[in-house]
PDB file of N, CA and C in Angstrom:
ATOM      1  N   MET A   1       0.655  -1.244  -0.055  1.00  0.00           N
ATOM      2  CA  MET A   1      -0.152   0.203  -0.015  1.00  0.00           C
ATOM      3  C   MET A   1       0.946   0.960  -0.113  1.00  0.00           C
ATOM      4  N   ILE A   2       0.457   2.152  -1.025  1.00  0.00           N
ATOM      5  CA  ILE A   2       1.147   3.374  -0.910  1.00  0.00           C
ATOM      6  C   ILE A   2       0.340   4.521  -0.594  1.00  0.00           C
ATOM      7  N   GLN A   3       0.846   5.463   0.227  1.00  0.00           N
ATOM      8  CA  GLN A   3      -0.042   6.750   0.753  1.00  0.00           C
ATOM      9  C   GLN A   3       0.815   7.789   0.534  1.00  0.00           C
ATOM     10  N   GLU A   4       0.276   9.097   0.659  1.00  0.00           N
ATOM     11  CA  GLU A   4       0.810  10.310   0.376  1.00  0.00           C
ATOM     12  C   GLU A   4       2.335  10.299   1.379  1.00  0.00           C
ATOM     13  N   GLN A   5       3.162  11.012   0.857  1.00  0.00           N
ATOM     14  CA  GLN A   5       4.470  11.009   1.705  1.00  0.00           C
ATOM     15  C   GLN A   5       5.329   9.933   1.700  1.00  0.00           C
ATOM     16  N   THR A   6       4.908   8.675   1.205  1.00  0.00           N
ATOM     17  CA  THR A   6       5.770   7.398   1.079  1.00  0.00           C
ATOM     18  C   THR A   6       6.740   7.902   0.043  1.00  0.00           C
ATOM     19  N   MET A   7       8.120   7.556   0.432  1.00  0.00           N
ATOM     20  CA  MET A   7       9.458   7.225  -0.460  1.00  0.00           C
ATOM     21  C   MET A   7       9.493   5.907  -0.992  1.00  0.00           C
ATOM     22  N   LEU A   8       9.708   6.057  -2.219  1.00  0.00           N
ATOM     23  CA  LEU A   8       9.915   4.825  -3.184  1.00  0.00           C
ATOM     24  C   LEU A   8      11.260   4.767  -3.825  1.00  0.00           C
ATOM     25  N   ASN A   9      11.681   3.553  -4.028  1.00  0.00           N
ATOM     26  CA  ASN A   9      13.027   3.314  -4.892  1.00  0.00           C
ATOM     27  C   ASN A   9      12.246   3.006  -6.312  1.00  0.00           C
ATOM     28  N   VAL A  10      12.738   3.681  -7.364  1.00  0.00           N
ATOM     29  CA  VAL A  10      12.679   3.459  -8.712  1.00  0.00           C
ATOM     30  C   VAL A  10      13.264   2.430  -9.244  1.00  0.00           C
ATOM     31  N   ALA A  11      12.498   1.807 -10.233  1.00  0.00           N
ATOM     32  CA  ALA A  11      13.165   0.525 -10.728  1.00  0.00           C
ATOM     33  C   ALA A  11      13.122   0.425 -12.130  1.00  0.00           C
ATOM     34  N   ASP A  12      13.734   1.748 -12.977  1.00  0.00           N
ATOM     35  CA  ASP A  12      13.412   1.905 -14.519  1.00  0.00           C
ATOM     36  C   ASP A  12      14.862   2.353 -14.857  1.00  0.00           C
ATOM     37  N   ASN A  13      14.894   2.957 -15.977  1.00  0.00           N
ATOM     38  CA  ASN A  13      16.151   3.634 -16.495  1.00  0.00           C
ATOM     39  C   ASN A  13      15.866   5.147 -16.938  1.00  0.00           C
ATOM     40  N   SER A  14      14.858   5.580 -15.938  1.00  0.00           N
ATOM     41  CA  SER A  14      14.479   7.172 -16.379  1.00  0.00           C
ATOM     42  C   SER A  14      15.727   8.131 -15.544  1.00  0.00           C
ATOM     43  N   GLY A  15      16.448   7.768 -14.731  1.00  0.00           N
ATOM     44  CA  GLY A  15      17.611   8.402 -13.999  1.00  0.00           C
ATOM     45  C   GLY A  15      17.183   8.815 -12.720  1.00  0.00           C
ATOM     46  N   ALA A  16      15.930   8.700 -12.237  1.00  0.00           N
ATOM     47  CA  ALA A  16      15.396   8.660 -11.098  1.00  0.00           C
ATOM     48  C   ALA A  16      15.805   7.731  -9.992  1.00  0.00           C
ATOM     49  N   ARG A  17      16.290   7.821  -8.774  1.00  0.00           N
ATOM     50  CA  ARG A  17      16.552   7.186  -7.968  1.00  0.00           C
ATOM     51  C   ARG A  17      15.518   6.801  -6.842  1.00  0.00           C
ATOM     52  N   ARG A  18      15.040   7.871  -6.199  1.00  0.00           N
ATOM     53  CA  ARG A  18      14.087   7.959  -5.139  1.00  0.00           C
ATOM     54  C   ARG A  18      12.950   8.979  -5.432  1.00  0.00           C
ATOM     55  N   VAL A  19      11.732   8.762  -5.279  1.00  0.00           N
ATOM     56  CA  VAL A  19      10.639   9.292  -5.259  1.00  0.00           C
ATOM     57  C   VAL A  19       9.619   9.485  -4.382  1.00  0.00           C
ATOM     58  N   MET A  20       8.777  10.620  -4.090  1.00  0.00           N
ATOM     59  CA  MET A  20       7.905  10.765  -3.065  1.00  0.00           C
ATOM     60  C   MET A  20       6.635  10.845  -3.473  1.00  0.00           C
ATOM     61  N   CYS A  21       5.773  10.196  -3.077  1.00  0.00           N
ATOM     62  CA  CYS A  21       4.217  10.119  -3.686  1.00  0.00           C
ATOM     63  C   CYS A  21       3.617  11.457  -2.919  1.00  0.00           C
ATOM     64  N   ILE A  22       3.011  12.346  -4.081  1.00  0.00           N
ATOM     65  CA  ILE A  22       2.284  13.464  -3.427  1.00  0.00           C
ATOM     66  C   ILE A  22       0.840  13.348  -3.447  1.00  0.00           C
ATOM     67  N   LYS A  23       0.111  12.521  -4.269  1.00  0.00           N
ATOM     68  CA  LYS A  23      -1.064  12.216  -4.467  1.00  0.00           C
ATOM     69  C   LYS A  23      -1.342  10.943  -4.924  1.00  0.00           C
ATOM     70  N   VAL A  24      -2.582  10.456  -4.618  1.00  0.00           N
ATOM     71  CA  VAL A  24      -2.981   9.216  -5.039  1.00  0.00           C
ATOM     72  C   VAL A  24      -4.278   9.477  -5.989  1.00  0.00           C
ATOM     73  N   LEU A  25      -4.153   9.114  -7.158  1.00  0.00           N
ATOM     74  CA  LEU A  25      -5.388   9.446  -8.007  1.00  0.00           C
ATOM     75  C   LEU A  25      -6.375   8.472  -8.291  1.00  0.00           C
ATOM     76  N   GLY A  26      -7.497   8.761  -8.770  1.00  0.00           N
ATOM     77  CA  GLY A  26      -8.582   7.953  -8.962  1.00  0.00           C
ATOM     78  C   GLY A  26      -9.751   8.117  -7.723  1.00  0.00           C
ATOM     79  N   GLY A  27     -10.103   8.952  -7.322  1.00  0.00           N
ATOM     80  CA  GLY A  27     -11.146   9.107  -6.755  1.00  0.00           C
ATOM     81  C   GLY A  27     -10.867  10.581  -5.664  1.00  0.00           C
ATOM     82  N   SER A  28     -11.948  11.146  -5.022  1.00  0.00           N
ATOM     83  CA  SER A  28     -12.009  12.359  -4.141  1.00  0.00           C
ATOM     84  C   SER A  28     -11.187  12.155  -2.744  1.00  0.00           C
ATOM     85  N   HIS A  29     -11.395  11.110  -2.370  1.00  0.00           N
ATOM     86  CA  HIS A  29     -10.812  10.793  -0.968  1.00  0.00           C
ATOM     87  C   HIS A  29      -9.939   9.460  -0.916  1.00  0.00           C
ATOM     88  N   ARG A  30      -9.304   9.151  -1.895  1.00  0.00           N
ATOM     89  CA  ARG A  30      -8.443   7.715  -1.779  1.00  0.00           C
ATOM     90  C   ARG A  30      -7.440   8.017  -0.841  1.00  0.00           C
ATOM     91  N   ARG A  31      -7.215   7.074   0.077  1.00  0.00           N
ATOM     92  CA  ARG A  31      -6.198   7.151   0.923  1.00  0.00           C
ATOM     93  C   ARG A  31      -4.759   6.292   0.449  1.00  0.00           C
ATOM     94  N   TYR A  32      -5.131   5.048  -0.183  1.00  0.00           N
ATOM     95  CA  TYR A  32      -3.895   4.243  -0.382  1.00  0.00           C
ATOM     96  C   TYR A  32      -3.871   4.038  -2.088  1.00  0.00           C
ATOM     97  N   ALA A  33      -2.884   3.592  -2.456  1.00  0.00           N
ATOM     98  CA  ALA A  33      -2.710   3.161  -3.657  1.00  0.00           C
ATOM     99  C   ALA A  33      -2.136   1.761  -3.584  1.00  0.00           C
ATOM    100  N   GLY A  34      -2.599   0.901  -4.639  1.00  0.00           N
ATOM    101  CA  GLY A  34      -2.142  -0.436  -4.615  1.00  0.00           C
ATOM    102  C   GLY A  34      -1.421  -0.675  -6.020  1.00  0.00           C
ATOM    103  N   VAL A  35      -1.397  -1.998  -6.431  1.00  0.00           N
ATOM    104  CA  VAL A  35      -0.663  -2.180  -7.781  1.00  0.00           C
ATOM    105  C   VAL A  35      -1.502  -1.800  -8.879  1.00  0.00           C
ATOM    106  N   GLY A  36      -0.845  -1.210  -9.863  1.00  0.00           N
ATOM    107  CA  GLY A  36      -1.639  -0.695 -11.006  1.00  0.00           C
ATOM    108  C   GLY A  36      -2.371   0.516 -10.816  1.00  0.00           C
ATOM    109  N   ASP A  37      -2.609   1.288  -9.613  1.00  0.00           N
ATOM    110  CA  ASP A  37      -3.173   2.551  -9.365  1.00  0.00           C
ATOM    111  C   ASP A  37      -2.040   3.649  -9.938  1.00  0.00           C
ATOM    112  N   ILE A  38      -2.646   4.483 -10.246  1.00  0.00           N
ATOM    113  CA  ILE A  38      -1.860   5.886 -10.880  1.00  0.00           C
ATOM    114  C   ILE A  38      -1.637   6.603  -9.466  1.00  0.00           C
ATOM    115  N   ILE A  39      -0.322   7.345  -9.407  1.00  0.00           N
ATOM    116  CA  ILE A  39      -0.100   8.275  -8.270  1.00  0.00           C
ATOM    117  C   ILE A  39       0.941   9.360  -8.950  1.00  0.00           C
ATOM    118  N   LYS A  40       0.798  10.645  -8.184  1.00  0.00           N
ATOM    119  CA  LYS A  40       1.696  11.606  -8.720  1.00  0.00           C
ATOM    120  C   LYS A  40       2.804  11.642  -7.761  1.00  0.00           C
ATOM    121  N   ILE A  41       4.037  11.900  -8.377  1.00  0.00           N
ATOM    122  CA  ILE A  41       5.289  11.945  -7.620  1.00  0.00           C
ATOM    123  C   ILE A  41       6.060  12.934  -7.888  1.00  0.00           C
ATOM    124  N   THR A  42       7.101  13.210  -6.783  1.00  0.00           N
ATOM    125  CA  THR A  42       8.150  14.225  -7.086  1.00  0.00           C
ATOM    126  C   THR A  42       9.348  13.311  -6.947  1.00  0.00           C
ATOM    127  N   ILE A  43      10.451  13.587  -7.693  1.00  0.00           N
ATOM    128  CA  ILE A  43      11.574  13.118  -7.728  1.00  0.00           C
ATOM    129  C   ILE A  43      12.487  13.797  -6.646  1.00  0.00           C
ATOM    130  N   LYS A  44      12.858  13.130  -5.928  1.00  0.00           N
ATOM    131  CA  LYS A  44      13.883  13.512  -4.639  1.00  0.00           C
ATOM    132  C   LYS A  44      15.479  13.335  -4.848  1.00  0.00           C
ATOM    133  N   GLU A  45      15.578  12.114  -5.492  1.00  0.00           N
ATOM    134  CA  GLU A  45      17.113  11.923  -5.835  1.00  0.00           C
ATOM    135  C   GLU A  45      17.116  11.459  -7.119  1.00  0.00           C
ATOM    136  N   ALA A  46      18.081  11.835  -7.986  1.00  0.00           N
ATOM    137  CA  ALA A  46      18.379  11.371  -9.360  1.00  0.00           C
ATOM    138  C   ALA A  46      19.828  11.314  -9.734  1.00  0.00           C
ATOM    139  N   ILE A  47      20.058  10.300 -10.664  1.00  0.00           N
ATOM    140  CA  ILE A  47      21.420  10.081 -11.072  1.00  0.00           C
ATOM    141  C   ILE A  47      21.808  11.216 -12.093  1.00  0.00           C
ATOM    142  N   PRO A  48      22.676  11.852 -11.993  1.00  0.00           N
ATOM    143  CA  PRO A  48      23.231  12.890 -12.674  1.00  0.00           C
ATOM    144  C   PRO A  48      23.665  12.422 -14.173  1.00  0.00           C
ATOM    145  N   ARG A  49      23.215  13.388 -15.073  1.00  0.00           N
ATOM    146  CA  ARG A  49      23.551  12.981 -16.677  1.00  0.00           C
ATOM    147  C   ARG A  49      24.462  13.769 -16.970  1.00  0.00           C
ATOM    148  N   TRP A  50      25.297  13.342 -17.841  1.00  0.00           N
ATOM    149  CA  TRP A  50      26.665  14.189 -18.414  1.00  0.00           C
ATOM    150  C   TRP A  50      26.201  14.611 -19.745  1.00  0.00           C
TER     151      TRP A  50
END
């Protein structure tokens, strides 16, 4: 379960390492997100690009 302010490790090649969930989308008062749900995130740590 993912809720707002949860820190997550990223597992793709986008360059982001850690992100924080700022919003769970898909309803007016949804508290948690599960597998397959859409969340809004902000990047907190990234791999520098040359």
